[in-house]
Amino acid sequence: MQAFQLPAYFYDVNIISVTIRLLLAVFFGGIIGLERGSNNHPAGFRTHILVCVGSTLAMLTDQYICQTLAANADPARLGAQVITGVGFLGVGTIFVTGKHKIKGLTTAAGLWASACLGLALGIGFYSGALIAGILIFVSLALLPRVENYFYQNARMINLYVEMDSLQNFKDFVSKIKSMGITVLETHVSSSGPVVSNGMAFHLSIKLPKTLKFEEVNMMFCGFKGMLLLEEI
C-alpha cells in the first residue's frame, strides 16, 4: 500500500480532498452507469452517479464528525445506513417478466457496488476504490462475453413450456428422452400459463454433447400442442 501513499491532506477532510473524492465518485459512478444505461437497464448513468456521490458524501460526513466534532464517534455509522438504503433501491430494479424470467439482478448488484465504491472514496481509501472501480467495470462490460460463451455451451438447461394439454406434454417429454436428453425434473408452473389458455411447465434437462439448445429449440417449436418454449 506504500506505493499508493498520497500527501496527508488527501486523507483529511478539507476542500481539496472533498472535491477530489466527489469528482472521483462522479467518474466511477458515471462509467458504471454508462454501461448499464447503454444496454437499456432501469438504473443508468445518473442513477449510478447519484448513488456513488451520495455514499461518498455519507462517509465524508462521518469522517468530518469524527475529525471535528466527536473524536470517539463511530466512523461507519452513516456508511452502514447507506448499504441498507441501497438495498431498498436495488429491489426496485428487480422484476419478473411475463415469461418467468428474472431481470435486474446485475443492475441491483451494480448499484450496491457503486455505493460501496463511494464509501471507499469517502473515507479516502483511494487504492481500493481504484482497483474495485476497474474490476466492477470489467465485470459489467467484458465478462458478459465470457458468460455467454459458457451459456451457449451449457449442458444443463431449465425450460419453460406451455402446452395445450397434459397428454401432449407427456408426449413432448417422451420425445425429449428418445433423443438422448436426460430429463432431471418436471413440475407444473405454480403461476399458470402466461401467453395461452393451456398448461405451463418447468423442465430441467441435460443435453448430450452432440446437441445444443438452439438445435433442440428449432426441433420442438412446431411440436404438437406446443404453445411456448423458452430457456429460463
Protein backbone atom coordinates (compact mmCIF):
# COMPACT_ATOMS: atom_id res chain seq x y z
CA MET A 1 0.00 0.00 0.00
CA GLN A 2 3.02 2.27 0.40
CA ALA A 3 3.16 2.80 -3.38
CA PHE A 4 -0.27 4.46 -3.20
CA GLN A 5 0.65 6.82 -0.36
CA LEU A 6 -0.53 10.37 -1.08
CA PRO A 7 0.11 13.64 0.76
CA ALA A 8 -1.60 13.84 4.15
CA TYR A 9 -4.17 16.43 3.08
CA PHE A 10 -5.72 13.88 0.69
CA TYR A 11 -6.83 11.86 3.72
CA ASP A 12 -8.10 14.72 5.88
CA VAL A 13 -11.42 16.50 5.39
CA ASN A 14 -10.61 19.70 3.53
CA ILE A 15 -11.79 21.44 0.39
CA ILE A 16 -9.20 19.69 -1.79
CA SER A 17 -9.86 16.15 -0.55
CA VAL A 18 -13.64 16.65 -0.58
CA THR A 19 -13.56 17.90 -4.17
CA ILE A 20 -11.29 15.08 -5.34
CA ARG A 21 -13.35 12.36 -3.68
CA LEU A 22 -16.67 13.65 -5.01
CA LEU A 23 -15.27 14.08 -8.53
CA LEU A 24 -13.90 10.54 -8.44
CA ALA A 25 -17.34 9.37 -7.32
CA VAL A 26 -18.91 11.10 -10.32
CA PHE A 27 -16.32 9.49 -12.61
CA PHE A 28 -16.60 5.93 -11.33
CA GLY A 29 -20.37 6.07 -10.89
CA GLY A 30 -20.64 7.51 -14.38
CA ILE A 31 -18.64 4.83 -16.19
CA ILE A 32 -20.56 2.08 -14.41
CA GLY A 33 -23.86 3.80 -15.17
CA LEU A 34 -22.96 4.33 -18.83
CA GLU A 35 -22.50 0.60 -19.30
CA ARG A 36 -25.88 -0.12 -17.68
CA GLY A 37 -27.69 2.68 -19.49
CA SER A 38 -26.27 1.76 -22.89
CA ASN A 39 -27.94 -1.65 -22.54
CA ASN A 40 -31.33 -0.15 -21.58
CA HIS A 41 -31.24 -1.23 -17.94
CA PRO A 42 -33.51 0.51 -15.39
CA ALA A 43 -30.72 2.26 -13.45
CA GLY A 44 -28.33 4.07 -15.75
CA PHE A 45 -25.86 6.96 -15.89
CA ARG A 46 -27.44 9.45 -13.50
CA THR A 47 -28.68 6.86 -11.01
CA HIS A 48 -25.24 5.33 -10.50
CA ILE A 49 -23.64 8.77 -10.19
CA LEU A 50 -26.16 9.79 -7.53
CA VAL A 51 -25.66 6.56 -5.57
CA CYS A 52 -21.87 6.82 -5.70
CA VAL A 53 -21.76 10.54 -4.86
CA GLY A 54 -24.32 10.14 -2.07
CA SER A 55 -22.42 7.30 -0.41
CA THR A 56 -19.16 9.24 -0.75
CA LEU A 57 -20.75 12.23 0.96
CA ALA A 58 -22.07 9.99 3.74
CA MET A 59 -18.57 8.74 4.53
CA LEU A 60 -17.13 12.24 4.25
CA THR A 61 -19.73 13.39 6.76
CA ASP A 62 -18.80 10.53 9.09
CA GLN A 63 -15.12 11.44 8.84
CA TYR A 64 -15.93 15.12 9.38
CA ILE A 65 -17.90 14.32 12.53
CA CYS A 66 -15.06 12.20 13.92
CA GLN A 67 -12.41 14.74 12.94
CA THR A 68 -14.03 17.97 14.09
CA LEU A 69 -16.95 17.26 16.41
CA ALA A 70 -16.57 13.97 18.26
CA ALA A 71 -13.31 12.05 18.17
CA ASN A 72 -14.93 8.95 19.71
CA ALA A 73 -17.82 8.80 17.19
CA ASP A 74 -18.40 5.70 15.07
CA PRO A 75 -16.97 6.49 11.59
CA ALA A 76 -19.00 3.71 9.96
CA ARG A 77 -22.46 4.65 11.26
CA LEU A 78 -23.72 6.56 8.21
CA GLY A 79 -21.97 4.16 5.84
CA ALA A 80 -23.92 1.25 7.29
CA GLN A 81 -27.18 3.11 6.66
CA VAL A 82 -26.13 3.71 3.04
CA ILE A 83 -25.87 -0.03 2.43
CA THR A 84 -29.36 -0.54 3.88
CA GLY A 85 -30.81 2.27 1.77
CA VAL A 86 -29.25 1.00 -1.44
CA GLY A 87 -30.78 -2.40 -0.70
CA PHE A 88 -34.25 -0.86 -0.99
CA LEU A 89 -33.22 0.95 -4.16
CA GLY A 90 -31.89 -2.26 -5.68
CA VAL A 91 -35.15 -4.09 -5.02
CA GLY A 92 -36.88 -1.60 -7.31
CA THR A 93 -34.71 -2.70 -10.25
CA ILE A 94 -35.50 -6.43 -9.89
CA PHE A 95 -38.63 -7.79 -11.52
CA VAL A 96 -40.03 -10.99 -13.01
CA THR A 97 -41.11 -10.69 -16.62
CA GLY A 98 -44.29 -12.14 -18.04
CA LYS A 99 -42.28 -15.10 -19.31
CA HIS A 100 -40.95 -16.03 -15.86
CA LYS A 101 -37.50 -14.52 -16.31
CA ILE A 102 -35.87 -12.56 -13.50
CA LYS A 103 -34.40 -9.25 -14.65
CA GLY A 104 -32.42 -6.57 -12.87
CA LEU A 105 -30.19 -8.59 -10.54
CA THR A 106 -26.98 -7.35 -12.18
CA THR A 107 -28.22 -3.76 -12.12
CA ALA A 108 -29.08 -4.07 -8.42
CA ALA A 109 -25.64 -5.53 -7.73
CA GLY A 110 -24.09 -2.67 -9.72
CA LEU A 111 -25.91 -0.10 -7.58
CA TRP A 112 -24.74 -1.84 -4.41
CA ALA A 113 -21.15 -1.99 -5.71
CA SER A 114 -21.33 1.71 -6.67
CA ALA A 115 -22.40 2.53 -3.13
CA CYS A 116 -19.51 0.52 -1.67
CA LEU A 117 -17.16 2.26 -4.10
CA GLY A 118 -18.45 5.60 -2.90
CA LEU A 119 -17.91 4.61 0.73
CA ALA A 120 -14.29 3.72 -0.04
CA LEU A 121 -13.77 7.05 -1.79
CA GLY A 122 -15.47 8.93 1.01
CA ILE A 123 -13.12 7.58 3.66
CA GLY A 124 -10.05 8.18 1.47
CA PHE A 125 -9.33 4.56 0.51
CA TYR A 126 -8.21 5.62 -2.98
CA SER A 127 -6.28 2.50 -3.96
CA GLY A 128 -9.13 0.16 -3.03
CA ALA A 129 -11.65 2.33 -4.87
CA LEU A 130 -9.47 2.48 -8.00
CA ILE A 131 -8.94 -1.27 -8.18
CA ALA A 132 -12.59 -2.03 -7.35
CA GLY A 133 -13.83 0.52 -9.90
CA ILE A 134 -11.81 -1.13 -12.66
CA LEU A 135 -12.96 -4.61 -11.65
CA ILE A 136 -16.62 -3.57 -11.47
CA PHE A 137 -16.48 -2.03 -14.94
CA VAL A 138 -14.70 -5.08 -16.38
CA SER A 139 -17.29 -7.37 -14.76
CA LEU A 140 -20.19 -5.44 -16.30
CA ALA A 141 -18.73 -4.60 -19.71
CA LEU A 142 -16.44 -7.50 -20.63
CA LEU A 143 -17.38 -10.60 -18.63
CA PRO A 144 -20.84 -10.99 -20.27
CA ARG A 145 -19.00 -12.26 -23.36
CA VAL A 146 -17.38 -14.99 -21.29
CA GLU A 147 -20.71 -15.73 -19.61
CA ASN A 148 -22.50 -16.01 -22.95
CA TYR A 149 -19.87 -18.45 -24.23
CA PHE A 150 -20.47 -20.81 -21.31
CA TYR A 151 -24.25 -20.44 -21.56
CA GLN A 152 -24.18 -21.30 -25.26
CA ASN A 153 -22.22 -24.45 -24.48
CA ALA A 154 -24.14 -25.36 -21.34
CA ARG A 155 -25.41 -28.90 -20.93
CA MET A 156 -27.80 -28.25 -18.01
CA ILE A 157 -30.79 -26.16 -19.12
CA ASN A 158 -34.04 -25.04 -17.49
CA LEU A 159 -37.05 -24.72 -19.79
CA TYR A 160 -40.43 -23.03 -19.50
CA VAL A 161 -43.05 -24.77 -21.64
CA GLU A 162 -46.71 -24.05 -22.35
CA MET A 163 -48.75 -26.89 -23.88
CA ASP A 164 -52.41 -27.18 -24.80
CA SER A 165 -52.89 -30.42 -22.82
CA LEU A 166 -51.19 -32.69 -20.30
CA GLN A 167 -51.08 -35.58 -22.77
CA ASN A 168 -49.17 -33.52 -25.33
CA PHE A 169 -46.73 -32.51 -22.61
CA LYS A 170 -46.13 -36.18 -21.75
CA ASP A 171 -45.55 -36.89 -25.45
CA PHE A 172 -43.11 -33.98 -25.54
CA VAL A 173 -41.14 -35.37 -22.59
CA SER A 174 -41.07 -38.82 -24.19
CA LYS A 175 -39.73 -37.33 -27.42
CA ILE A 176 -37.01 -35.50 -25.50
CA LYS A 177 -35.91 -38.71 -23.80
CA SER A 178 -35.85 -40.58 -27.11
CA MET A 179 -33.24 -38.09 -28.37
CA GLY A 180 -30.85 -38.96 -25.56
CA ILE A 181 -31.72 -35.87 -23.50
CA THR A 182 -31.89 -36.53 -19.75
CA VAL A 183 -34.94 -35.06 -18.01
CA LEU A 184 -33.82 -34.16 -14.49
CA GLU A 185 -37.01 -32.59 -13.16
CA THR A 186 -40.50 -31.59 -14.30
CA HIS A 187 -43.26 -29.75 -12.48
CA VAL A 188 -46.34 -27.67 -13.22
CA SER A 189 -45.77 -23.91 -13.03
CA SER A 190 -47.42 -22.51 -9.90
CA SER A 191 -48.33 -19.22 -11.62
CA GLY A 192 -50.04 -20.82 -14.60
CA PRO A 193 -49.62 -20.05 -18.31
CA VAL A 194 -48.73 -16.56 -19.48
CA VAL A 195 -49.45 -16.35 -23.20
CA SER A 196 -52.11 -19.04 -23.63
CA ASN A 197 -55.03 -20.88 -22.05
CA GLY A 198 -53.10 -24.16 -21.86
CA MET A 199 -50.85 -25.61 -19.17
CA ALA A 200 -47.45 -24.31 -18.04
CA PHE A 201 -44.50 -26.49 -17.00
CA HIS A 202 -40.90 -26.16 -15.87
CA LEU A 203 -38.32 -28.70 -17.01
CA SER A 204 -34.68 -29.24 -16.10
CA ILE A 205 -32.80 -31.18 -18.77
CA LYS A 206 -29.25 -32.25 -19.54
CA LEU A 207 -28.22 -32.22 -23.19
CA PRO A 208 -25.84 -34.74 -24.74
CA LYS A 209 -22.57 -33.32 -26.06
CA THR A 210 -23.79 -33.65 -29.65
CA LEU A 211 -26.72 -31.24 -29.17
CA LYS A 212 -27.07 -27.53 -28.44
CA PHE A 213 -30.17 -25.79 -27.13
CA GLU A 214 -30.61 -23.82 -30.36
CA GLU A 215 -30.97 -27.12 -32.24
CA VAL A 216 -33.43 -28.51 -29.70
CA ASN A 217 -35.44 -25.30 -29.77
CA MET A 218 -35.79 -25.44 -33.56
CA MET A 219 -36.83 -29.09 -33.45
CA PHE A 220 -39.60 -28.63 -30.90
CA CYS A 221 -41.07 -25.24 -31.76
CA GLY A 222 -43.56 -26.96 -34.07
CA PHE A 223 -44.27 -29.91 -31.77
CA LYS A 224 -47.93 -30.92 -31.44
CA GLY A 225 -49.66 -28.80 -28.80
CA MET A 226 -46.58 -26.63 -28.20
CA LEU A 227 -47.63 -23.04 -27.42
CA LEU A 228 -44.38 -21.67 -25.99
CA LEU A 229 -40.85 -22.95 -25.35
CA GLU A 230 -38.20 -20.80 -23.67
CA GLU A 231 -34.97 -21.20 -21.78
CA ILE A 232 -35.08 -19.64 -18.30
